[in-house]
């Protein structure tokens, strides 16, 4: 396939790595992460901040790309990293579906998106929210938990326990990061 034809059939994706460069554990340079993606045939690879946010163009499905990335990452860096891959189209839907848009426009660091592999246990999350008694609000949608933490994510007892209560793994990004990744993805379209 000619290079121009290959690029024309690529879609834009966003990969979210979990647990790298956190508190000095599992250090991964973003340059090395970009090189990993490029080695798998991904084009226009860009990273955002040091916490494992990658925007790129590729062929294939999000699930297939995630499998390939997980295997290549473990081989390259010597440890497994959990990651989620979403299409740019899915990202646009999750941004449009934010039920806390007004709060996000006032302070995007107080609204978060928790990306999930499966449906979180909403009943247990509601029980946790009642137990912690904080001002947080959350909404569960397909593959995502939207969280408004008006006192801040780091101070939220609900946020500290939401992954355990949900019963599934999550990776969380604040709304500023969500919008920055959206802008990078749009620039590749």
Protein backbone atom coordinates (compact mmCIF):
# COMPACT_ATOMS: atom_id res chain seq x y z
CA UNK A 1 0.00 0.00 0.00
CA UNK A 2 1.37 3.41 -0.92
CA UNK A 3 2.29 5.66 2.01
CA UNK A 4 -0.29 8.31 1.03
CA UNK A 5 -3.05 5.71 0.82
CA UNK A 6 -2.06 4.26 4.20
CA UNK A 7 -2.16 7.69 5.86
CA UNK A 8 -5.55 8.41 4.29
CA UNK A 9 -7.07 5.29 5.88
CA UNK A 10 -5.74 6.01 9.37
CA UNK A 11 -8.01 7.20 12.17
CA UNK A 12 -7.07 9.35 15.12
CA UNK A 13 -6.81 7.69 18.53
CA UNK A 14 -6.05 8.71 22.10
CA UNK A 15 -4.18 6.33 24.41
CA UNK A 16 -4.24 6.79 28.17
CA UNK A 17 -1.54 4.98 30.11
CA UNK A 18 -2.04 4.33 33.77
CA UNK A 19 0.56 4.22 36.50
CA UNK A 20 3.59 5.60 34.72
CA UNK A 21 5.61 8.52 36.08
CA UNK A 22 3.55 8.65 39.27
CA UNK A 23 5.44 9.43 42.45
CA UNK A 24 8.74 8.38 40.93
CA UNK A 25 7.47 4.90 40.10
CA UNK A 26 7.66 3.32 36.66
CA UNK A 27 9.44 6.20 34.92
CA UNK A 28 8.87 6.40 31.18
CA UNK A 29 10.13 9.29 29.07
CA UNK A 30 7.55 10.63 26.68
CA UNK A 31 10.10 10.51 23.85
CA UNK A 32 10.43 6.75 24.43
CA UNK A 33 6.64 6.39 24.44
CA UNK A 34 6.39 8.29 21.14
CA UNK A 35 9.10 6.03 19.69
CA UNK A 36 7.18 2.94 20.84
CA UNK A 37 4.05 4.16 19.03
CA UNK A 38 5.99 5.07 15.89
CA UNK A 39 7.57 1.61 15.91
CA UNK A 40 4.09 0.11 15.69
CA UNK A 41 3.36 2.16 12.58
CA UNK A 42 1.47 4.98 14.27
CA UNK A 43 1.74 8.39 12.61
CA UNK A 44 1.73 11.95 13.95
CA UNK A 45 2.41 10.70 17.49
CA UNK A 46 2.13 13.40 20.16
CA UNK A 47 2.22 13.24 23.94
CA UNK A 48 0.61 15.57 26.44
CA UNK A 49 2.20 16.11 29.86
CA UNK A 50 4.22 13.36 31.53
CA UNK A 51 1.42 11.07 32.68
CA UNK A 52 1.00 8.96 29.55
CA UNK A 53 -1.44 10.71 27.26
CA UNK A 54 -0.76 9.96 23.59
CA UNK A 55 -2.60 11.17 20.49
CA UNK A 56 -1.79 9.46 17.19
CA UNK A 57 -3.11 8.17 13.90
CA UNK A 58 -3.26 4.46 13.13
CA UNK A 59 -5.10 1.74 11.30
CA UNK A 60 -7.19 -0.80 13.17
CA UNK A 61 -9.59 -0.89 16.07
CA UNK A 62 -9.11 0.70 19.47
CA UNK A 63 -9.17 -2.73 21.13
CA UNK A 64 -6.61 -4.18 18.72
CA UNK A 65 -4.32 -1.19 19.08
CA UNK A 66 -4.58 -1.41 22.88
CA UNK A 67 -3.57 -5.10 22.81
CA UNK A 68 -0.60 -4.39 20.54
CA UNK A 69 0.50 -1.43 22.67
CA UNK A 70 0.25 -3.38 25.93
CA UNK A 71 2.45 -6.18 24.57
CA UNK A 72 5.00 -3.80 23.03
CA UNK A 73 5.09 -1.66 26.17
CA UNK A 74 5.82 -4.62 28.46
CA UNK A 75 8.61 -5.79 26.15
CA UNK A 76 10.14 -2.33 25.81
CA UNK A 77 9.90 -1.10 29.39
CA UNK A 78 9.97 -4.35 31.37
CA UNK A 79 6.68 -3.87 33.20
CA UNK A 80 3.02 -3.93 32.26
CA UNK A 81 1.09 -0.72 32.00
CA UNK A 82 -2.66 -0.61 31.93
CA UNK A 83 -3.92 1.49 29.08
CA UNK A 84 -7.09 2.46 27.34
CA UNK A 85 -7.41 3.53 23.71
CA UNK A 86 -10.32 5.60 22.43
CA UNK A 87 -11.08 6.89 18.96
CA UNK A 88 -11.22 10.64 18.42
CA UNK A 89 -14.91 10.22 17.53
CA UNK A 90 -15.58 8.53 20.88
CA UNK A 91 -13.61 11.29 22.61
CA UNK A 92 -15.84 13.95 20.99
CA UNK A 93 -18.91 12.12 22.32
CA UNK A 94 -17.54 11.91 25.85
CA UNK A 95 -16.73 15.63 25.85
CA UNK A 96 -20.19 16.50 24.52
CA UNK A 97 -21.78 14.22 27.13
CA UNK A 98 -20.20 15.92 30.15
CA UNK A 99 -23.06 16.60 32.58
CA UNK A 100 -20.83 19.03 34.52
CA UNK A 101 -19.99 21.31 31.60
CA UNK A 102 -20.82 24.49 33.48
CA UNK A 103 -18.54 23.52 36.38
CA UNK A 104 -15.82 22.51 33.91
CA UNK A 105 -15.99 25.88 32.17
CA UNK A 106 -15.55 27.62 35.54
CA UNK A 107 -12.69 25.40 36.75
CA UNK A 108 -11.65 22.42 34.59
CA UNK A 109 -9.45 21.04 37.38
CA UNK A 110 -12.54 20.27 39.48
CA UNK A 111 -14.19 18.05 36.86
CA UNK A 112 -12.71 14.67 35.98
CA UNK A 113 -13.31 11.82 33.59
CA UNK A 114 -12.59 8.33 34.89
CA UNK A 115 -12.12 6.01 31.92
CA UNK A 116 -13.32 2.47 32.54
CA UNK A 117 -12.82 -0.91 30.87
CA UNK A 118 -16.29 -2.03 31.93
CA UNK A 119 -19.39 -0.69 33.65
CA UNK A 120 -18.66 0.47 37.21
CA UNK A 121 -20.86 -0.69 40.07
CA UNK A 122 -23.04 2.39 40.36
CA UNK A 123 -24.86 1.14 43.47
CA UNK A 124 -21.60 0.78 45.41
CA UNK A 125 -20.44 4.18 44.17
CA UNK A 126 -23.65 5.78 45.47
CA UNK A 127 -23.13 4.04 48.82
CA UNK A 128 -19.57 5.39 48.96
CA UNK A 129 -20.78 8.91 48.18
CA UNK A 130 -23.34 8.67 51.00
CA UNK A 131 -20.70 7.32 53.37
CA UNK A 132 -18.10 10.00 52.58
CA UNK A 133 -20.69 12.79 52.74
CA UNK A 134 -18.73 15.15 50.50
CA UNK A 135 -19.98 17.62 47.89
CA UNK A 136 -18.99 15.43 44.94
CA UNK A 137 -21.36 14.48 42.17
CA UNK A 138 -20.84 11.73 39.63
CA UNK A 139 -22.54 10.37 36.55
CA UNK A 140 -21.86 7.03 34.92
CA UNK A 141 -22.06 6.76 31.15
CA UNK A 142 -20.80 4.13 28.72
CA UNK A 143 -17.13 3.59 29.49
CA UNK A 144 -16.77 6.68 31.64
CA UNK A 145 -17.51 8.09 35.05
CA UNK A 146 -17.81 11.88 35.14
CA UNK A 147 -16.87 13.38 38.49
CA UNK A 148 -17.35 16.90 39.83
CA UNK A 149 -15.19 17.33 42.93
CA UNK A 150 -15.66 20.99 43.94
CA UNK A 151 -13.10 20.77 46.76
CA UNK A 152 -10.53 19.13 44.49
CA UNK A 153 -9.76 15.57 43.48
CA UNK A 154 -6.85 15.20 45.89
CA UNK A 155 -8.98 16.21 48.87
CA UNK A 156 -11.95 14.05 47.94
CA UNK A 157 -12.58 10.98 50.11
CA UNK A 158 -15.02 9.80 47.45
CA UNK A 159 -12.36 10.06 44.71
CA UNK A 160 -9.89 8.16 46.89
CA UNK A 161 -12.29 5.21 47.17
CA UNK A 162 -14.18 5.31 43.89
CA UNK A 163 -12.04 2.78 42.03
CA UNK A 164 -12.36 0.19 44.78
CA UNK A 165 -16.10 0.84 45.10
CA UNK A 166 -16.61 0.68 41.35
CA UNK A 167 -15.14 -2.82 41.19
CA UNK A 168 -13.11 -2.05 38.04
CA UNK A 169 -9.87 -0.41 37.02
CA UNK A 170 -10.03 3.24 36.03
CA UNK A 171 -7.67 5.88 34.80
CA UNK A 172 -8.63 9.45 35.63
CA UNK A 173 -7.91 12.72 33.83
CA UNK A 174 -9.00 16.21 34.80
CA UNK A 175 -11.12 18.17 32.36
CA UNK A 176 -8.25 20.44 31.34
CA UNK A 177 -6.39 17.36 30.11
CA UNK A 178 -9.52 15.97 28.42
CA UNK A 179 -9.94 19.20 26.46
CA UNK A 180 -6.23 19.43 25.60
CA UNK A 181 -6.32 15.90 24.18
CA UNK A 182 -9.45 16.77 22.25
CA UNK A 183 -7.64 19.76 20.69
CA UNK A 184 -4.63 17.62 19.73
CA UNK A 185 -6.92 14.99 18.18
CA UNK A 186 -8.87 17.62 16.23
CA UNK A 187 -5.62 19.02 14.84
CA UNK A 188 -4.83 15.59 13.34
CA UNK A 189 -8.23 15.14 11.73
